Amino acid sequence: MVYYEKTMKFQFFTIPVQDNGSATHALNSFCSQKRITQVEKHFIADGQNSYWSICLTWVDGSEPPGSNGKNRKTTQVDYKEVLNGADFAIYSRLRELRKQLAEADGVPPYHVLTNEQLARMVTDRIATRTDFRHIEGIGDKRTEKYADAFLELLKHMFNQSGSVP
């Protein structure tokens, strides 16, 4: 029995060596939202016009209606391995805040935000309610209820780490 219909897709990025961060941000944002299966990268040397050419292969999977994800195999992400030391420290503080908010609301922590959403806050350097709202899976209700608390902590932590957005 097939539980998923998977479609392999490709996405191409060009990252200039003298990138102001926008092309890198676009690449990181894409990678955090997709299930990447292969990365092919090449450095193109052309003096000041040098750049990285990156081809990502990713899988777009959809489950059959009514499955409710019961047949999906989930993989745990170890964010200590994925994030650098400073980012992991911020991520850990976000988890502490999430736990406090969940206890106050009497819900499991993942009902507040998922680990993936917390990691996105750190890697994307979320600084505004609009940024917060644009994280996949966060709607108006969560933004209204939780954004201010998380944004305040992020601002403090980013200032402390010297990586102010």
N, C-alpha and C. Protein backbone atom coordinates (compact mmCIF):
# COMPACT_ATOMS: atom_id res chain seq x y z
N MET A 1 0.84 -1.18 0.00
CA MET A 1 0.00 0.00 0.00
C MET A 1 0.88 1.24 0.00
N VAL A 2 0.60 2.21 -0.83
CA VAL A 2 1.38 3.44 -0.90
C VAL A 2 0.70 4.50 -0.04
N TYR A 3 1.46 5.07 0.89
CA TYR A 3 0.90 6.08 1.78
C TYR A 3 1.18 7.49 1.28
N TYR A 4 2.23 7.67 0.54
CA TYR A 4 2.59 9.00 0.06
C TYR A 4 2.66 9.00 -1.46
N GLU A 5 2.35 10.12 -2.00
CA GLU A 5 2.66 10.36 -3.39
C GLU A 5 3.78 11.38 -3.35
N LYS A 6 4.95 11.01 -3.83
CA LYS A 6 6.11 11.91 -3.75
C LYS A 6 6.49 12.38 -5.13
N THR A 7 6.78 13.64 -5.22
CA THR A 7 7.21 14.23 -6.46
C THR A 7 8.55 14.91 -6.23
N MET A 8 9.58 14.51 -6.99
CA MET A 8 10.88 15.11 -6.86
C MET A 8 10.89 16.41 -7.66
N LYS A 9 11.41 17.46 -7.03
CA LYS A 9 11.47 18.77 -7.67
C LYS A 9 12.88 19.34 -7.51
N PHE A 10 13.15 20.36 -8.31
CA PHE A 10 14.46 21.01 -8.27
C PHE A 10 14.28 22.50 -8.04
N GLN A 11 15.24 23.10 -7.34
CA GLN A 11 15.27 24.54 -7.13
C GLN A 11 16.71 24.99 -7.28
N PHE A 12 16.92 26.07 -8.01
CA PHE A 12 18.26 26.56 -8.28
C PHE A 12 18.47 27.91 -7.59
N PHE A 13 19.68 28.08 -7.04
CA PHE A 13 20.05 29.33 -6.38
C PHE A 13 21.41 29.78 -6.89
N THR A 14 21.58 31.06 -7.00
CA THR A 14 22.86 31.67 -7.31
C THR A 14 23.20 32.59 -6.15
N ILE A 15 24.33 32.34 -5.51
CA ILE A 15 24.75 33.12 -4.35
C ILE A 15 26.03 33.87 -4.71
N PRO A 16 25.94 35.16 -4.99
CA PRO A 16 27.16 35.92 -5.29
C PRO A 16 28.12 35.91 -4.10
N VAL A 17 29.42 35.89 -4.41
CA VAL A 17 30.42 35.88 -3.34
C VAL A 17 30.27 37.12 -2.47
N GLN A 18 29.93 38.22 -3.08
CA GLN A 18 29.76 39.47 -2.32
C GLN A 18 28.28 39.68 -1.97
N ASP A 19 27.61 38.61 -1.59
CA ASP A 19 26.19 38.64 -1.24
C ASP A 19 25.97 39.49 0.00
N ASN A 20 24.95 40.33 -0.03
CA ASN A 20 24.61 41.14 1.14
C ASN A 20 23.77 40.36 2.15
N GLY A 21 23.58 39.09 1.89
CA GLY A 21 22.84 38.23 2.80
C GLY A 21 21.46 37.86 2.28
N SER A 22 20.94 38.60 1.31
CA SER A 22 19.57 38.32 0.85
C SER A 22 19.48 36.99 0.10
N ALA A 23 20.46 36.68 -0.75
CA ALA A 23 20.43 35.42 -1.48
C ALA A 23 20.64 34.25 -0.52
N THR A 24 21.51 34.42 0.45
CA THR A 24 21.75 33.38 1.45
C THR A 24 20.50 33.17 2.29
N HIS A 25 19.85 34.26 2.66
CA HIS A 25 18.61 34.17 3.44
C HIS A 25 17.53 33.42 2.65
N ALA A 26 17.42 33.72 1.36
CA ALA A 26 16.43 33.03 0.52
C ALA A 26 16.72 31.53 0.47
N LEU A 27 17.99 31.16 0.34
CA LEU A 27 18.38 29.75 0.31
C LEU A 27 18.05 29.07 1.65
N ASN A 28 18.44 29.70 2.75
CA ASN A 28 18.18 29.13 4.08
C ASN A 28 16.69 29.00 4.35
N SER A 29 15.94 30.01 3.96
CA SER A 29 14.49 29.97 4.16
C SER A 29 13.87 28.82 3.37
N PHE A 30 14.28 28.66 2.13
CA PHE A 30 13.77 27.57 1.30
C PHE A 30 14.10 26.22 1.93
N CYS A 31 15.37 26.06 2.35
CA CYS A 31 15.81 24.78 2.93
C CYS A 31 15.06 24.44 4.21
N SER A 32 14.72 25.45 5.00
CA SER A 32 14.02 25.17 6.25
C SER A 32 12.57 24.78 6.04
N GLN A 33 12.04 25.02 4.84
CA GLN A 33 10.64 24.72 4.58
C GLN A 33 10.43 23.47 3.74
N LYS A 34 11.50 22.91 3.19
CA LYS A 34 11.37 21.79 2.27
C LYS A 34 12.15 20.58 2.78
N ARG A 35 11.80 19.43 2.25
CA ARG A 35 12.53 18.21 2.57
C ARG A 35 13.57 18.01 1.47
N ILE A 36 14.79 18.46 1.73
CA ILE A 36 15.88 18.43 0.76
C ILE A 36 16.46 17.02 0.72
N THR A 37 16.61 16.48 -0.49
CA THR A 37 17.16 15.13 -0.62
C THR A 37 18.57 15.14 -1.18
N GLN A 38 18.94 16.20 -1.91
CA GLN A 38 20.28 16.26 -2.49
C GLN A 38 20.67 17.71 -2.73
N VAL A 39 21.95 18.01 -2.52
CA VAL A 39 22.48 19.34 -2.77
C VAL A 39 23.67 19.20 -3.71
N GLU A 40 23.65 19.95 -4.79
CA GLU A 40 24.79 20.00 -5.69
C GLU A 40 25.21 21.45 -5.79
N LYS A 41 26.49 21.71 -5.51
CA LYS A 41 26.96 23.10 -5.53
C LYS A 41 28.27 23.19 -6.30
N HIS A 42 28.41 24.29 -6.99
CA HIS A 42 29.61 24.55 -7.77
C HIS A 42 30.02 26.01 -7.58
N PHE A 43 31.32 26.21 -7.41
CA PHE A 43 31.84 27.57 -7.32
C PHE A 43 32.26 28.02 -8.71
N ILE A 44 31.74 29.14 -9.14
CA ILE A 44 32.06 29.71 -10.44
C ILE A 44 32.98 30.91 -10.20
N ALA A 45 34.26 30.75 -10.56
CA ALA A 45 35.26 31.79 -10.32
C ALA A 45 35.29 32.76 -11.49
N ASP A 46 34.96 34.01 -11.20
CA ASP A 46 34.95 35.06 -12.21
C ASP A 46 35.25 36.39 -11.55
N GLY A 47 36.35 36.44 -10.81
CA GLY A 47 36.76 37.67 -10.14
C GLY A 47 35.69 38.17 -9.18
N GLN A 48 35.36 39.46 -9.30
CA GLN A 48 34.34 40.04 -8.43
C GLN A 48 32.94 39.52 -8.76
N ASN A 49 32.78 38.88 -9.89
CA ASN A 49 31.48 38.33 -10.28
C ASN A 49 31.36 36.85 -9.91
N SER A 50 32.27 36.33 -9.08
CA SER A 50 32.23 34.93 -8.67
C SER A 50 30.97 34.64 -7.88
N TYR A 51 30.51 33.40 -7.98
CA TYR A 51 29.29 33.03 -7.28
C TYR A 51 29.23 31.52 -7.07
N TRP A 52 28.33 31.12 -6.17
CA TRP A 52 28.01 29.71 -5.95
C TRP A 52 26.75 29.41 -6.73
N SER A 53 26.77 28.33 -7.46
CA SER A 53 25.58 27.84 -8.15
C SER A 53 25.13 26.60 -7.39
N ILE A 54 23.88 26.62 -6.92
CA ILE A 54 23.39 25.55 -6.06
C ILE A 54 22.09 24.99 -6.64
N CYS A 55 22.07 23.67 -6.76
CA CYS A 55 20.87 22.97 -7.20
C CYS A 55 20.40 22.08 -6.05
N LEU A 56 19.17 22.30 -5.61
CA LEU A 56 18.59 21.49 -4.54
C LEU A 56 17.54 20.57 -5.14
N THR A 57 17.61 19.32 -4.75
CA THR A 57 16.56 18.37 -5.11
C THR A 57 15.73 18.17 -3.86
N TRP A 58 14.43 18.31 -4.01
CA TRP A 58 13.56 18.16 -2.85
C TRP A 58 12.34 17.35 -3.20
N VAL A 59 11.73 16.81 -2.17
CA VAL A 59 10.57 15.94 -2.36
C VAL A 59 9.34 16.66 -1.84
N ASP A 60 8.33 16.70 -2.67
CA ASP A 60 7.04 17.25 -2.29
C ASP A 60 6.13 16.07 -2.06
N GLY A 61 5.81 15.79 -0.81
CA GLY A 61 4.99 14.62 -0.52
C GLY A 61 3.63 15.03 -0.01
N SER A 62 2.63 14.30 -0.40
CA SER A 62 1.30 14.56 0.14
C SER A 62 0.70 13.23 0.56
N GLU A 63 -0.01 13.26 1.65
CA GLU A 63 -0.63 12.06 2.17
C GLU A 63 -2.05 11.94 1.62
N PRO A 64 -2.54 10.75 1.53
CA PRO A 64 -3.90 10.57 1.04
C PRO A 64 -4.91 11.20 1.99
N PRO A 65 -6.03 11.69 1.47
CA PRO A 65 -7.05 12.28 2.34
C PRO A 65 -7.48 11.31 3.43
N GLY A 66 -7.70 11.84 4.63
CA GLY A 66 -8.18 11.02 5.74
C GLY A 66 -7.11 10.27 6.49
N SER A 67 -5.84 10.38 6.07
CA SER A 67 -4.79 9.61 6.75
C SER A 67 -4.38 10.25 8.06
N ASN A 68 -4.59 11.55 8.21
CA ASN A 68 -4.24 12.29 9.42
C ASN A 68 -2.78 12.08 9.84
N GLY A 69 -1.92 11.74 8.90
CA GLY A 69 -0.50 11.59 9.19
C GLY A 69 -0.16 10.35 9.99
N LYS A 70 -1.11 9.45 10.21
CA LYS A 70 -0.86 8.27 11.05
C LYS A 70 0.17 7.34 10.45
N ASN A 71 0.29 7.32 9.14
CA ASN A 71 1.22 6.41 8.50
C ASN A 71 2.58 7.05 8.21
N ARG A 72 2.70 8.31 8.53
CA ARG A 72 3.92 9.04 8.24
C ARG A 72 5.00 8.67 9.25
N LYS A 73 6.19 8.43 8.74
CA LYS A 73 7.33 8.19 9.61
C LYS A 73 7.99 9.54 9.84
N THR A 74 8.11 9.92 11.09
CA THR A 74 8.73 11.20 11.39
C THR A 74 10.18 10.96 11.80
N THR A 75 11.00 11.92 11.47
CA THR A 75 12.39 11.84 11.88
C THR A 75 12.65 12.97 12.87
N GLN A 76 13.36 12.64 13.92
CA GLN A 76 13.70 13.63 14.91
C GLN A 76 14.91 14.42 14.44
N VAL A 77 14.84 15.73 14.61
CA VAL A 77 15.96 16.58 14.27
C VAL A 77 16.68 16.94 15.56
N ASP A 78 17.98 16.74 15.58
CA ASP A 78 18.78 17.14 16.73
C ASP A 78 19.30 18.55 16.44
N TYR A 79 18.61 19.54 16.99
CA TYR A 79 18.97 20.93 16.70
C TYR A 79 20.32 21.32 17.29
N LYS A 80 20.82 20.55 18.23
CA LYS A 80 22.17 20.81 18.75
C LYS A 80 23.22 20.55 17.67
N GLU A 81 22.91 19.62 16.77
CA GLU A 81 23.81 19.33 15.65
C GLU A 81 23.56 20.27 14.47
N VAL A 82 22.33 20.72 14.31
CA VAL A 82 21.96 21.55 13.16
C VAL A 82 22.35 23.01 13.36
N LEU A 83 22.16 23.52 14.57
CA LEU A 83 22.42 24.94 14.85
C LEU A 83 23.83 25.12 15.42
N ASN A 84 24.41 26.28 15.17
CA ASN A 84 25.71 26.57 15.79
C ASN A 84 25.50 26.82 17.28
N GLY A 85 26.56 26.93 18.04
CA GLY A 85 26.47 27.05 19.49
C GLY A 85 25.64 28.22 19.97
N ALA A 86 25.86 29.40 19.39
CA ALA A 86 25.12 30.60 19.80
C ALA A 86 23.64 30.46 19.47
N ASP A 87 23.34 29.96 18.27
CA ASP A 87 21.94 29.78 17.87
C ASP A 87 21.25 28.72 18.72
N PHE A 88 21.98 27.66 19.08
CA PHE A 88 21.37 26.63 19.92
C PHE A 88 21.04 27.18 21.30
N ALA A 89 21.88 28.07 21.82
CA ALA A 89 21.60 28.69 23.12
C ALA A 89 20.30 29.50 23.06
N ILE A 90 20.11 30.23 21.97
CA ILE A 90 18.88 31.00 21.79
C ILE A 90 17.69 30.05 21.65
N TYR A 91 17.85 29.02 20.85
CA TYR A 91 16.81 28.01 20.65
C TYR A 91 16.41 27.39 21.99
N SER A 92 17.38 27.08 22.84
CA SER A 92 17.10 26.48 24.15
C SER A 92 16.29 27.42 25.03
N ARG A 93 16.61 28.70 24.98
CA ARG A 93 15.85 29.69 25.76
C ARG A 93 14.42 29.79 25.24
N LEU A 94 14.25 29.71 23.91
CA LEU A 94 12.90 29.73 23.34
C LEU A 94 12.10 28.52 23.81
N ARG A 95 12.75 27.37 23.91
CA ARG A 95 12.07 26.17 24.40
C ARG A 95 11.62 26.35 25.86
N GLU A 96 12.46 26.99 26.67
CA GLU A 96 12.10 27.26 28.06
C GLU A 96 10.87 28.16 28.14
N LEU A 97 10.88 29.22 27.32
CA LEU A 97 9.74 30.13 27.29
C LEU A 97 8.48 29.39 26.82
N ARG A 98 8.61 28.57 25.79
CA ARG A 98 7.48 27.80 25.29
C ARG A 98 6.90 26.91 26.39
N LYS A 99 7.78 26.27 27.16
CA LYS A 99 7.33 25.40 28.24
C LYS A 99 6.54 26.19 29.29
N GLN A 100 7.03 27.38 29.64
CA GLN A 100 6.33 28.22 30.62
C GLN A 100 4.95 28.63 30.09
N LEU A 101 4.89 29.03 28.83
CA LEU A 101 3.62 29.45 28.24
C LEU A 101 2.64 28.26 28.16
N ALA A 102 3.16 27.10 27.81
CA ALA A 102 2.31 25.90 27.71
C ALA A 102 1.75 25.52 29.08
N GLU A 103 2.60 25.57 30.11
CA GLU A 103 2.14 25.25 31.46
C GLU A 103 1.07 26.24 31.91
N ALA A 104 1.27 27.52 31.60
CA ALA A 104 0.29 28.54 31.98
C ALA A 104 -1.05 28.31 31.27
N ASP A 105 -1.00 27.82 30.03
CA ASP A 105 -2.22 27.58 29.26
C ASP A 105 -2.78 26.17 29.46
N GLY A 106 -2.02 25.31 30.15
CA GLY A 106 -2.47 23.94 30.39
C GLY A 106 -2.52 23.09 29.13
N VAL A 107 -1.54 23.33 28.22
CA VAL A 107 -1.48 22.57 26.97
C VAL A 107 -0.07 22.00 26.80
N PRO A 108 0.09 21.00 25.94
CA PRO A 108 1.44 20.49 25.65
C PRO A 108 2.26 21.57 24.94
N PRO A 109 3.58 21.57 25.12
CA PRO A 109 4.42 22.60 24.49
C PRO A 109 4.25 22.70 22.97
N TYR A 110 4.06 21.56 22.29
CA TYR A 110 3.93 21.62 20.84
C TYR A 110 2.64 22.30 20.39
N HIS A 111 1.69 22.49 21.30
CA HIS A 111 0.48 23.25 20.96
C HIS A 111 0.79 24.75 20.89
N VAL A 112 1.82 25.17 21.61
CA VAL A 112 2.24 26.57 21.54
C VAL A 112 2.99 26.78 20.23
N LEU A 113 4.12 26.12 20.07
CA LEU A 113 4.92 26.15 18.84
C LEU A 113 5.71 24.85 18.76
N THR A 114 6.07 24.45 17.55
CA THR A 114 6.88 23.25 17.37
C THR A 114 8.36 23.58 17.49
N ASN A 115 9.17 22.54 17.65
CA ASN A 115 10.63 22.74 17.67
C ASN A 115 11.09 23.38 16.37
N GLU A 116 10.53 22.93 15.26
CA GLU A 116 10.91 23.47 13.95
C GLU A 116 10.60 24.96 13.87
N GLN A 117 9.45 25.37 14.39
CA GLN A 117 9.10 26.79 14.36
C GLN A 117 10.05 27.60 15.23
N LEU A 118 10.44 27.06 16.37
CA LEU A 118 11.40 27.75 17.23
C LEU A 118 12.75 27.90 16.53
N ALA A 119 13.19 26.83 15.87
CA ALA A 119 14.46 26.89 15.15
C ALA A 119 14.40 27.92 14.02
N ARG A 120 13.28 27.99 13.34
CA ARG A 120 13.11 28.98 12.26
C ARG A 120 13.22 30.40 12.80
N MET A 121 12.70 30.64 14.01
CA MET A 121 12.81 31.96 14.61
C MET A 121 14.26 32.38 14.75
N VAL A 122 15.09 31.40 15.12
CA VAL A 122 16.50 31.69 15.32
C VAL A 122 17.23 31.84 13.99
N THR A 123 17.07 30.88 13.10
CA THR A 123 17.83 30.90 11.84
C THR A 123 17.40 32.05 10.93
N ASP A 124 16.12 32.42 10.98
CA ASP A 124 15.63 33.51 10.14
C ASP A 124 15.72 34.87 10.83
N ARG A 125 16.23 34.87 12.07
CA ARG A 125 16.41 36.11 12.84
C ARG A 125 15.11 36.92 12.89
N ILE A 126 14.05 36.26 13.35
CA ILE A 126 12.73 36.86 13.43
C ILE A 126 12.78 38.08 14.36
N ALA A 127 12.25 39.22 13.89
CA ALA A 127 12.32 40.43 14.69
C ALA A 127 10.99 41.17 14.78
N THR A 128 10.01 40.81 13.96
CA THR A 128 8.73 41.52 13.95
C THR A 128 7.56 40.54 14.01
N ARG A 129 6.39 41.06 14.33
CA ARG A 129 5.18 40.24 14.34
C ARG A 129 4.89 39.69 12.94
N THR A 130 5.20 40.48 11.92
CA THR A 130 5.00 40.03 10.54
C THR A 130 5.90 38.84 10.24
N ASP A 131 7.18 38.94 10.65
CA ASP A 131 8.11 37.81 10.47
C ASP A 131 7.57 36.58 11.20
N PHE A 132 7.13 36.77 12.43
CA PHE A 132 6.61 35.69 13.26
C PHE A 132 5.43 35.02 12.56
N ARG A 133 4.52 35.82 12.05
CA ARG A 133 3.30 35.32 11.40
C ARG A 133 3.61 34.53 10.13
N HIS A 134 4.73 34.85 9.47
CA HIS A 134 5.07 34.19 8.21
C HIS A 134 5.76 32.84 8.38
N ILE A 135 6.02 32.43 9.60
CA ILE A 135 6.57 31.10 9.82
C ILE A 135 5.46 30.10 9.55
N GLU A 136 5.79 29.07 8.77
CA GLU A 136 4.79 28.07 8.40
C GLU A 136 4.12 27.46 9.63
N GLY A 137 2.79 27.45 9.62
CA GLY A 137 2.03 26.85 10.71
C GLY A 137 1.64 27.82 11.80
N ILE A 138 2.09 29.06 11.72
CA ILE A 138 1.71 30.05 12.72
C ILE A 138 0.66 30.97 12.10
N GLY A 139 -0.50 30.97 12.72
CA GLY A 139 -1.59 31.80 12.23
C GLY A 139 -1.80 33.04 13.08
N ASP A 140 -2.91 33.69 12.83
CA ASP A 140 -3.22 34.92 13.55
C ASP A 140 -3.39 34.70 15.05
N LYS A 141 -4.04 33.58 15.43
CA LYS A 141 -4.28 33.32 16.86
C LYS A 141 -2.97 33.16 17.62
N ARG A 142 -2.06 32.37 17.09
CA ARG A 142 -0.77 32.17 17.78
C ARG A 142 0.04 33.45 17.77
N THR A 143 -0.02 34.18 16.67
CA THR A 143 0.71 35.45 16.62
C THR A 143 0.19 36.39 17.70
N GLU A 144 -1.12 36.52 17.79
CA GLU A 144 -1.73 37.40 18.79
C GLU A 144 -1.38 36.96 20.21
N LYS A 145 -1.40 35.67 20.43
CA LYS A 145 -1.21 35.15 21.78
C LYS A 145 0.25 35.08 22.22
N TYR A 146 1.16 34.74 21.29
CA TYR A 146 2.53 34.42 21.71
C TYR A 146 3.64 35.30 21.12
N ALA A 147 3.36 36.04 20.07
CA ALA A 147 4.43 36.76 19.37
C ALA A 147 5.22 37.69 20.27
N ASP A 148 4.52 38.50 21.06
CA ASP A 148 5.22 39.50 21.87
C ASP A 148 6.22 38.87 22.83
N ALA A 149 5.82 37.79 23.48
CA ALA A 149 6.73 37.15 24.44
C ALA A 149 7.97 36.59 23.74
N PHE A 150 7.77 35.92 22.60
CA PHE A 150 8.91 35.35 21.88
C PHE A 150 9.79 36.45 21.27
N LEU A 151 9.17 37.48 20.72
CA LEU A 151 9.94 38.57 20.10
C LEU A 151 10.78 39.32 21.12
N GLU A 152 10.23 39.50 22.33
CA GLU A 152 10.99 40.17 23.38
C GLU A 152 12.23 39.36 23.75
N LEU A 153 12.05 38.06 23.92
CA LEU A 153 13.18 37.19 24.25
C LEU A 153 14.19 37.16 23.10
N LEU A 154 13.71 37.05 21.87
CA LEU A 154 14.62 37.03 20.72
C LEU A 154 15.43 38.31 20.64
N LYS A 155 14.79 39.44 20.82
CA LYS A 155 15.51 40.73 20.76
C LYS A 155 16.62 40.75 21.80
N HIS A 156 16.30 40.33 23.02
CA HIS A 156 17.29 40.29 24.10
C HIS A 156 18.44 39.33 23.75
N MET A 157 18.09 38.14 23.28
CA MET A 157 19.11 37.14 22.98
C MET A 157 19.97 37.54 21.78
N PHE A 158 19.36 38.11 20.74
CA PHE A 158 20.13 38.54 19.57
C PHE A 158 21.08 39.67 19.95
N ASN A 159 20.63 40.59 20.81
CA ASN A 159 21.51 41.67 21.28
C ASN A 159 22.68 41.11 22.06
N GLN A 160 22.40 40.12 22.91
CA GLN A 160 23.45 39.50 23.72
C GLN A 160 24.48 38.77 22.87
N SER A 161 24.01 38.10 21.83
CA SER A 161 24.93 37.30 21.01
C SER A 161 25.63 38.14 19.93
N GLY A 162 25.20 39.39 19.81
CA GLY A 162 25.83 40.26 18.79
C GLY A 162 25.32 40.01 17.39
N SER A 163 24.21 39.32 17.26
CA SER A 163 23.66 39.04 15.93
C SER A 163 22.29 39.68 15.78
N VAL A 164 22.24 40.97 16.04
CA VAL A 164 21.00 41.72 15.97
C VAL A 164 20.48 41.69 14.54
N PRO A 165 19.21 41.34 14.37
CA PRO A 165 18.64 41.30 13.01
C PRO A 165 18.53 42.67 12.40
